[in-house]
Amino acid sequence: MARKKRALFMTVGTGFKDNQKSLAHGLMCSIVSKDPDLICFFGSKKSKSTIDTLKQIFNESNDENFDDYFETEFIENDNIDEFKDYFFEFKSKILELENDYKIIIDYTSGTKTMTMSAAFASMIFRKELFFVSGKRENGIVVKGTEECVPQNLYQVYDELMINKIKDLFNNNRFEAGKVLVDEIIDTNEDKEVFSKLFNAYYYFDSVNHEKALEVFDIKEFQKAWPDLTKQFQLNIKALNIMNTFNQNSSNGPAEHNLKKYYMLASILNNTRRREDENKFDDAVARLYRSLELIAQIRLSKEYGIDSSNVDIDVLRQNNIDEDYLSEINISDEIKFGLTADYELLAQLNDDLGDFYLENKNQIRNILKFRNNSILAHGFDSCSKKEYDEFSVIVLKAANLLHKDMEKFIEETKFPILL
């Protein structure tokens, strides 16, 4: 397989009359070592004299003429102290050539601005970077001692990327984070563990608890972030509970109810994450589902009532008033919505039913937020104030459902990367 063509980018300074030849010798060392198919010189108008000296040295030592042997291009920019200008020159040329050439960058000579621009370009676009060094006398590399010294700035780039990736994780931007993880180059171990982390919590956040548990590598997570060991352990405990106890398992009612409590807690944390992102319509929609789920769990656990398919006989077994039953539209499948669930709990003299009656007007007003939302039946957008009001009600109801609800919420809370 033929090697990919090489393009050598070189920053070129002017030097002084007494050291320009030494400077040119250093650049020639770079050219001979890398054997490029294309040389792109970056410099000012004055840099051309250094390039002329370089060509002269080559022509004196070889049978072929430099311009016949090498394809060259001179990118001239006299704004030698403008970082932005030189960086843009490097960026433009890299984007132009990188599909056809392997680009390597020599930043041996040139102004500080030129060499810094070259270094930044190599880091951001992940190109090989080096400079020519050797034994020095009076600050000048002695002819014959030159050597190309590679510089690896990828680790610096990766460190910047990792900080950004952590920020994305902490702000629940799991999909964006997964994309950015692929940009990590040198730190392969970091890349792998971050990829696992984002996948696990992406599925957790998407309420795909089965897939989240499947990819949750707690040993790797604890090794990478030992200070978060406790939260990882709580999270995997919650995921195990939410996955182990399903409708087809042999576990008893207590285990099935435990799963429901954790599911509710997970949704409440999901709600908070949407609120953190200022997605108040999403957050309110999840609060509505949480309030609905609270009533469904209580009806099922304490009274054996499935509000998605209400059995009139089960209602009679719970001594529901016949006048109340007469108002129910009897059909093959009776479904209760949120309000009907809480009214039924009130008929059962349940504390959640009492809570509903005590806060009935406020709850009905709050439900209008959700019903008028663009994500429900209306065209309005929910506000932070409306979310906060709804959240207070839902959390009160959740704590009435189970005294340990705050514990369940803590165990399904996502960690914060520092």
Protein backbone atom coordinates (compact mmCIF):
# COMPACT_ATOMS: atom_id res chain seq x y z
CA MET A 1 0.00 0.00 0.00
CA ALA A 2 1.50 3.32 -1.11
CA ARG A 3 2.13 5.84 1.63
CA LYS A 4 -0.09 8.88 1.76
CA LYS A 5 1.52 12.00 0.34
CA ARG A 6 3.10 14.27 2.94
CA ALA A 7 2.72 18.01 3.26
CA LEU A 8 5.30 19.73 5.44
CA PHE A 9 4.18 23.05 6.95
CA MET A 10 7.09 25.26 8.04
CA THR A 11 7.11 28.58 9.82
CA VAL A 12 9.99 30.63 8.46
CA GLY A 13 11.75 33.46 10.25
CA THR A 14 14.22 35.93 8.83
CA GLY A 15 17.19 35.37 11.09
CA PHE A 16 20.18 37.70 10.97
CA LYS A 17 22.90 37.94 8.37
CA ASP A 18 25.32 36.00 10.54
CA ASN A 19 22.95 33.16 11.43
CA GLN A 20 20.56 32.93 8.49
CA LYS A 21 22.62 30.13 6.98
CA SER A 22 22.48 28.14 10.23
CA LEU A 23 18.73 28.68 10.37
CA ALA A 24 18.40 27.48 6.77
CA HIS A 25 20.53 24.40 7.58
CA GLY A 26 18.10 23.54 10.38
CA LEU A 27 15.12 23.83 8.07
CA MET A 28 16.90 21.69 5.47
CA CYS A 29 17.42 19.02 8.14
CA SER A 30 13.69 19.00 8.67
CA ILE A 31 12.97 18.69 4.95
CA VAL A 32 15.44 15.86 4.41
CA SER A 33 14.15 14.00 7.47
CA LYS A 34 10.46 14.20 6.55
CA ASP A 35 10.85 13.81 2.76
CA PRO A 36 7.66 15.76 1.92
CA ASP A 37 5.78 15.77 -1.35
CA LEU A 38 4.67 19.35 -0.72
CA ILE A 39 6.26 22.08 1.38
CA CYS A 40 4.13 24.98 2.59
CA PHE A 41 6.24 27.85 3.89
CA PHE A 42 4.49 30.30 6.26
CA GLY A 43 6.17 33.66 6.68
CA SER A 44 6.40 37.33 5.88
CA LYS A 45 7.85 38.95 2.79
CA LYS A 46 11.21 39.12 4.57
CA SER A 47 11.13 35.36 5.14
CA LYS A 48 11.76 34.80 1.45
CA SER A 49 15.46 35.49 1.92
CA THR A 50 15.69 32.57 4.37
CA ILE A 51 13.94 30.32 1.86
CA ASP A 52 16.35 31.47 -0.86
CA THR A 53 19.28 30.56 1.40
CA LEU A 54 17.69 27.16 2.08
CA LYS A 55 17.35 26.51 -1.67
CA GLN A 56 20.94 27.54 -2.24
CA ILE A 57 22.17 25.07 0.39
CA PHE A 58 20.15 22.28 -1.22
CA ASN A 59 21.36 23.11 -4.73
CA GLU A 60 24.99 23.14 -3.60
CA SER A 61 24.67 19.68 -2.07
CA ASN A 62 22.53 17.97 -4.71
CA ASP A 63 22.50 17.37 -8.41
CA GLU A 64 18.86 18.48 -8.68
CA ASN A 65 17.42 21.95 -8.34
CA PHE A 66 15.31 22.51 -5.23
CA ASP A 67 12.33 23.90 -7.21
CA ASP A 68 12.42 20.93 -9.57
CA TYR A 69 12.64 18.40 -6.76
CA PHE A 70 10.02 19.82 -4.34
CA GLU A 71 6.55 21.19 -4.90
CA THR A 72 6.33 24.32 -2.77
CA GLU A 73 3.88 26.99 -1.77
CA PHE A 74 4.57 30.21 0.09
CA ILE A 75 1.78 31.53 2.34
CA GLU A 76 2.73 35.15 2.86
CA ASN A 77 1.37 37.20 5.74
CA ASP A 78 3.17 40.30 7.05
CA ASN A 79 1.01 40.51 10.20
CA ILE A 80 3.71 38.59 12.04
CA ASP A 81 2.39 39.54 15.49
CA GLU A 82 -1.29 38.76 14.83
CA PHE A 83 -2.06 35.31 16.23
CA LYS A 84 -5.53 35.21 14.69
CA ASP A 85 -4.22 35.90 11.19
CA TYR A 86 -1.55 33.21 11.26
CA PHE A 87 -3.78 30.68 12.95
CA PHE A 88 -6.40 31.27 10.22
CA GLU A 89 -3.72 30.68 7.56
CA PHE A 90 -2.81 27.33 9.15
CA LYS A 91 -6.44 26.34 9.62
CA SER A 92 -7.37 27.16 6.02
CA LYS A 93 -4.44 25.27 4.55
CA ILE A 94 -5.00 22.25 6.81
CA LEU A 95 -8.66 22.01 5.80
CA GLU A 96 -7.69 22.39 2.17
CA LEU A 97 -5.06 19.63 2.15
CA GLU A 98 -5.79 17.12 4.90
CA ASN A 99 -7.90 14.81 2.74
CA ASP A 100 -5.05 14.32 0.28
CA TYR A 101 -1.98 14.72 2.48
CA LYS A 102 -0.61 13.66 5.83
CA ILE A 103 0.22 17.04 7.33
CA ILE A 104 3.26 17.52 9.57
CA ILE A 105 4.23 20.86 11.09
CA ASP A 106 7.70 22.25 11.78
CA TYR A 107 7.71 25.31 14.05
CA THR A 108 11.47 25.67 14.39
CA SER A 109 11.73 29.28 13.23
CA GLY A 110 9.58 32.36 12.95
CA THR A 111 8.20 34.90 15.38
CA LYS A 112 6.64 33.76 18.65
CA THR A 113 3.21 34.49 17.18
CA MET A 114 3.92 32.35 14.10
CA THR A 115 5.24 29.39 16.08
CA MET A 116 2.42 29.62 18.64
CA SER A 117 -0.14 29.62 15.83
CA ALA A 118 1.49 26.51 14.35
CA ALA A 119 1.47 24.76 17.73
CA PHE A 120 -2.19 25.57 18.37
CA ALA A 121 -3.14 24.39 14.89
CA SER A 122 -1.31 21.09 15.45
CA MET A 123 -3.12 20.59 18.76
CA ILE A 124 -6.62 21.43 17.58
CA PHE A 125 -6.38 19.62 14.25
CA ARG A 126 -4.25 16.83 15.70
CA LYS A 127 -1.29 17.10 13.35
CA GLU A 128 2.26 15.90 14.01
CA LEU A 129 4.41 18.71 15.41
CA PHE A 130 8.18 18.95 15.76
CA PHE A 131 11.12 21.35 15.83
CA VAL A 132 14.79 21.07 14.93
CA SER A 133 17.17 21.07 17.88
CA GLY A 134 20.80 20.16 18.53
CA LYS A 135 23.94 21.39 20.20
CA ARG A 136 23.83 25.16 20.51
CA GLU A 137 26.49 27.81 20.44
CA ASN A 138 25.39 31.37 21.16
CA GLY A 139 21.80 30.15 20.86
CA ILE A 140 22.35 28.74 17.34
CA VAL A 141 22.12 25.02 16.53
CA VAL A 142 25.53 23.84 15.34
CA LYS A 143 25.56 22.43 11.83
CA GLY A 144 25.76 18.66 11.84
CA THR A 145 24.11 18.27 15.27
CA GLU A 146 20.57 18.92 14.08
CA GLU A 147 17.79 16.52 15.02
CA CYS A 148 13.99 16.63 14.69
CA VAL A 149 12.31 16.62 18.11
CA PRO A 150 8.62 15.66 18.14
CA GLN A 151 6.21 17.58 20.36
CA ASN A 152 3.00 15.98 21.64
CA LEU A 153 0.34 18.57 22.45
CA TYR A 154 -2.52 16.07 22.20
CA GLN A 155 -2.49 15.54 25.96
CA VAL A 156 -3.03 19.27 26.49
CA TYR A 157 -5.86 19.17 23.98
CA ASP A 158 -7.36 16.10 25.65
CA GLU A 159 -7.25 17.84 29.03
CA LEU A 160 -9.25 20.73 27.58
CA MET A 161 -11.66 18.29 25.99
CA ILE A 162 -12.10 16.32 29.21
CA ASN A 163 -13.05 19.48 31.10
CA LYS A 164 -15.64 20.23 28.42
CA ILE A 165 -16.90 16.65 28.51
CA LYS A 166 -17.34 16.80 32.29
CA ASP A 167 -19.31 20.00 31.87
CA LEU A 168 -21.59 18.32 29.33
CA PHE A 169 -22.16 15.37 31.67
CA ASN A 170 -23.01 17.63 34.60
CA ASN A 171 -25.47 19.50 32.41
CA ASN A 172 -27.16 16.30 31.22
CA ARG A 173 -25.92 16.72 27.63
CA PHE A 174 -25.28 13.03 27.24
CA GLU A 175 -25.66 12.78 23.47
CA ALA A 176 -23.40 15.79 22.86
CA GLY A 177 -20.90 14.37 25.33
CA LYS A 178 -20.82 11.02 23.55
CA VAL A 179 -19.91 12.82 20.32
CA LEU A 180 -17.20 14.87 22.00
CA VAL A 181 -15.66 11.81 23.67
CA ASP A 182 -14.70 10.59 20.21
CA GLU A 183 -12.48 13.65 19.88
CA ILE A 184 -10.14 12.45 22.66
CA ILE A 185 -6.99 11.22 20.99
CA ASP A 186 -4.11 10.28 23.29
CA THR A 187 -5.85 9.21 26.48
CA ASN A 188 -7.46 6.02 25.22
CA GLU A 189 -8.30 4.79 28.72
CA ASP A 190 -10.11 8.03 29.47
CA LYS A 191 -11.90 7.77 26.16
CA GLU A 192 -13.18 4.28 26.92
CA VAL A 193 -14.38 5.00 30.45
CA PHE A 194 -16.03 8.29 29.47
CA SER A 195 -17.78 6.53 26.60
CA LYS A 196 -19.15 3.91 29.02
CA LEU A 197 -20.20 6.59 31.49
CA PHE A 198 -22.10 8.65 28.93
CA ASN A 199 -23.80 5.57 27.51
CA ALA A 200 -24.89 4.35 30.95
CA TYR A 201 -26.37 7.66 32.04
CA TYR A 202 -27.83 8.41 28.60
CA TYR A 203 -29.91 5.23 28.92
CA PHE A 204 -30.63 5.95 32.60
CA ASP A 205 -31.90 9.42 31.67
CA SER A 206 -33.96 7.95 28.82
CA VAL A 207 -35.67 5.61 31.34
CA ASN A 208 -34.13 2.61 29.57
CA HIS A 209 -33.03 1.07 32.84
CA GLU A 210 -32.35 -2.36 31.36
CA LYS A 211 -29.83 -1.00 28.87
CA ALA A 212 -28.35 1.34 31.49
CA LEU A 213 -27.62 -1.59 33.79
CA GLU A 214 -26.16 -3.58 30.92
CA VAL A 215 -23.49 -0.94 30.17
CA PHE A 216 -22.96 0.30 33.76
CA ASP A 217 -19.33 -0.62 34.49
CA ILE A 218 -19.15 0.23 38.17
CA LYS A 219 -15.58 -1.06 38.65
CA GLU A 220 -14.28 1.18 35.88
CA PHE A 221 -16.33 4.15 37.09
CA GLN A 222 -15.09 3.79 40.67
CA LYS A 223 -11.51 3.46 39.47
CA ALA A 224 -11.78 6.62 37.36
CA TRP A 225 -13.72 8.66 39.95
CA PRO A 226 -13.08 7.16 43.42
CA ASP A 227 -14.65 10.18 45.13
CA LEU A 228 -17.98 9.24 43.50
CA THR A 229 -17.90 5.60 44.60
CA LYS A 230 -20.86 5.98 46.94
CA GLN A 231 -23.12 7.53 44.31
CA PHE A 232 -22.18 4.91 41.71
CA GLN A 233 -23.02 2.19 44.23
CA LEU A 234 -26.39 3.80 44.98
CA ASN A 235 -27.14 4.15 41.27
CA ILE A 236 -26.37 0.54 40.42
CA LYS A 237 -28.38 -0.62 43.41
CA ALA A 238 -31.35 1.34 42.05
CA LEU A 239 -30.83 0.00 38.53
CA ASN A 240 -30.71 -3.56 39.84
CA ILE A 241 -33.96 -3.05 41.71
CA MET A 242 -35.68 -1.48 38.72
CA ASN A 243 -34.57 -4.35 36.47
CA THR A 244 -34.85 -7.38 38.73
CA PHE A 245 -38.43 -6.97 39.85
CA ASN A 246 -40.63 -7.18 36.79
CA GLN A 247 -44.13 -8.42 36.23
CA ASN A 248 -42.93 -11.90 35.25
CA SER A 249 -40.57 -12.41 38.16
CA SER A 250 -41.25 -14.68 41.10
CA ASN A 251 -40.77 -11.85 43.60
CA GLY A 252 -43.64 -10.96 45.85
CA PRO A 253 -45.76 -7.77 46.02
CA ALA A 254 -43.30 -6.00 48.34
CA GLU A 255 -40.52 -6.29 45.76
CA HIS A 256 -42.78 -5.16 42.93
CA ASN A 257 -43.79 -2.10 44.95
CA LEU A 258 -40.14 -1.34 45.74
CA LYS A 259 -39.45 -1.22 42.01
CA LYS A 260 -42.31 1.26 41.55
CA TYR A 261 -40.95 3.54 44.28
CA TYR A 262 -37.56 3.62 42.58
CA MET A 263 -39.19 4.22 39.20
CA LEU A 264 -41.05 7.18 40.67
CA ALA A 265 -37.84 8.52 42.24
CA SER A 266 -36.02 8.15 38.92
CA ILE A 267 -38.73 10.13 37.13
CA LEU A 268 -38.58 12.85 39.80
CA ASN A 269 -34.83 13.17 39.25
CA ASN A 270 -35.44 13.21 35.51
CA THR A 271 -37.85 16.07 36.14
CA ARG A 272 -35.21 18.02 38.04
CA ARG A 273 -32.71 17.53 35.23
CA ARG A 274 -35.16 18.96 32.71
CA GLU A 275 -35.73 21.89 35.04
CA ASP A 276 -31.96 22.44 35.26
CA GLU A 277 -31.95 22.70 31.45
CA ASN A 278 -34.82 25.25 31.57
CA LYS A 279 -37.03 22.75 29.72
CA PHE A 280 -40.05 23.55 31.84
CA ASP A 281 -42.65 21.99 29.54
CA ASP A 282 -40.73 18.70 29.65
CA ALA A 283 -40.34 19.01 33.40
CA VAL A 284 -44.05 19.70 33.97
CA ALA A 285 -45.01 16.74 31.77
CA ARG A 286 -42.85 14.51 33.99
CA LEU A 287 -44.35 16.02 37.15
CA TYR A 288 -47.80 15.18 35.82
CA ARG A 289 -46.75 11.59 35.23
CA SER A 290 -45.20 11.46 38.71
CA LEU A 291 -48.40 12.71 40.39
CA GLU A 292 -50.40 10.20 38.36
CA LEU A 293 -48.00 7.36 39.25
CA ILE A 294 -48.19 8.16 42.97
CA ALA A 295 -51.95 7.55 42.97
CA GLN A 296 -51.61 4.42 40.82
CA ILE A 297 -49.02 2.91 43.18
CA ARG A 298 -51.15 3.57 46.27
CA LEU A 299 -54.32 2.17 44.68
CA SER A 300 -52.50 -0.97 43.56
CA LYS A 301 -50.51 -1.59 46.74
CA GLU A 302 -53.13 -0.87 49.38
CA TYR A 303 -56.40 -1.71 47.63
CA GLY A 304 -55.58 -4.01 44.71
CA ILE A 305 -57.07 -1.52 42.26
CA ASP A 306 -55.60 -1.15 38.77
CA SER A 307 -56.68 2.30 37.58
CA SER A 308 -55.92 1.39 33.97
CA ASN A 309 -58.53 -1.38 34.15
CA VAL A 310 -60.83 -0.80 37.12
CA ASP A 311 -62.81 -3.79 38.40
CA ILE A 312 -66.14 -2.70 39.93
CA ASP A 313 -66.21 -5.79 42.12
CA VAL A 314 -62.83 -4.81 43.61
CA LEU A 315 -64.26 -1.36 44.38
CA ARG A 316 -67.21 -2.98 46.17
CA GLN A 317 -64.82 -5.19 48.14
CA ASN A 318 -63.21 -1.96 49.35
CA ASN A 319 -66.63 -0.72 50.55
CA ILE A 320 -66.94 2.08 48.01
CA ASP A 321 -70.21 3.95 48.30
CA GLU A 322 -72.86 2.79 45.81
CA ASP A 323 -73.74 6.38 44.93
CA TYR A 324 -70.15 6.87 43.81
CA LEU A 325 -70.23 3.61 41.84
CA SER A 326 -73.44 4.63 40.10
CA GLU A 327 -71.63 7.60 38.59
CA ILE A 328 -69.03 5.40 36.92
CA ASN A 329 -69.65 4.67 33.25
CA ILE A 330 -69.63 0.86 33.23
CA SER A 331 -67.86 -0.67 30.23
CA ASP A 332 -65.66 -3.63 29.38
CA GLU A 333 -62.55 -1.63 30.30
CA ILE A 334 -62.81 1.18 32.84
CA LYS A 335 -59.81 3.55 32.91
CA PHE A 336 -59.29 6.22 35.53
CA GLY A 337 -57.22 9.31 34.90
CA LEU A 338 -55.25 11.34 37.44
CA THR A 339 -58.15 13.27 38.94
CA ALA A 340 -60.40 10.20 39.13
CA ASP A 341 -57.61 8.27 40.90
CA TYR A 342 -57.33 10.89 43.64
CA GLU A 343 -61.11 11.19 43.99
CA LEU A 344 -61.21 7.41 44.43
CA LEU A 345 -58.50 7.63 47.09
CA ALA A 346 -60.64 10.25 48.83
CA GLN A 347 -63.58 7.79 48.77
CA LEU A 348 -61.28 5.24 50.38
CA ASN A 349 -60.36 7.73 53.16
CA ASP A 350 -56.71 7.40 52.15
CA ASP A 351 -54.25 10.08 53.32
CA LEU A 352 -53.37 10.82 49.68
CA GLY A 353 -57.09 11.32 49.02
CA ASP A 354 -57.26 13.69 51.98
CA PHE A 355 -54.20 15.53 50.64
CA TYR A 356 -55.97 15.90 47.30
CA LEU A 357 -59.14 17.30 48.88
CA GLU A 358 -57.15 19.75 51.00
CA ASN A 359 -55.27 21.03 47.97
CA LYS A 360 -57.94 20.40 45.35
CA ASN A 361 -58.20 23.93 44.01
CA GLN A 362 -54.44 24.38 43.80
CA ILE A 363 -53.95 20.98 42.14
CA ARG A 364 -56.66 21.67 39.56
CA ASN A 365 -55.09 25.03 38.79
CA ILE A 366 -51.66 23.40 38.50
CA LEU A 367 -53.00 20.75 36.14
CA LYS A 368 -54.02 23.56 33.81
CA PHE A 369 -50.30 24.33 33.37
CA ARG A 370 -49.78 20.87 31.99
CA ASN A 371 -52.99 20.74 29.94
CA ASN A 372 -52.26 24.08 28.29
CA SER A 373 -48.64 23.14 27.59
CA ILE A 374 -47.49 22.65 24.02
CA LEU A 375 -46.44 19.14 25.07
CA ALA A 376 -49.96 18.25 26.23
CA HIS A 377 -53.13 19.76 24.73
CA GLY A 378 -52.40 23.45 24.31
CA PHE A 379 -50.03 25.95 22.78
CA ASP A 380 -48.56 27.64 25.87
CA SER A 381 -45.12 27.29 27.44
CA CYS A 382 -44.70 26.53 31.11
CA SER A 383 -42.67 28.89 33.29
CA LYS A 384 -40.19 28.32 36.09
CA LYS A 385 -42.76 29.62 38.56
CA GLU A 386 -45.36 27.12 37.37
CA TYR A 387 -42.85 24.30 37.52
CA ASP A 388 -41.85 25.22 41.09
CA GLU A 389 -45.48 25.32 42.25
CA PHE A 390 -46.22 21.95 40.68
CA SER A 391 -43.00 20.43 42.05
CA VAL A 392 -43.87 21.31 45.65
CA ILE A 393 -47.22 19.53 45.38
CA VAL A 394 -45.77 16.42 43.75
CA LEU A 395 -42.96 16.05 46.30
CA LYS A 396 -45.43 16.36 49.17
CA ALA A 397 -47.56 13.63 47.61
CA ALA A 398 -44.48 11.45 47.01
CA ASN A 399 -43.45 11.73 50.65
CA LEU A 400 -46.95 10.72 51.70
CA LEU A 401 -46.70 7.69 49.44
CA HIS A 402 -43.55 6.44 51.20
CA LYS A 403 -41.61 7.81 54.16
CA ASP A 404 -38.30 6.89 52.49
CA MET A 405 -38.97 8.66 49.20
CA GLU A 406 -36.08 11.09 49.72
CA LYS A 407 -33.76 8.08 50.10
CA PHE A 408 -35.03 6.61 46.82
CA ILE A 409 -34.53 9.98 45.13
CA GLU A 410 -30.96 10.18 46.45
CA GLU A 411 -30.18 6.69 45.16
CA THR A 412 -31.36 7.55 41.63
CA LYS A 413 -29.62 10.94 41.52
CA PHE A 414 -26.82 11.27 38.98
CA PRO A 415 -23.25 12.03 40.15
CA ILE A 416 -21.49 15.33 39.47
CA LEU A 417 -18.04 15.08 37.90
CA LEU A 418 -15.45 17.42 39.42
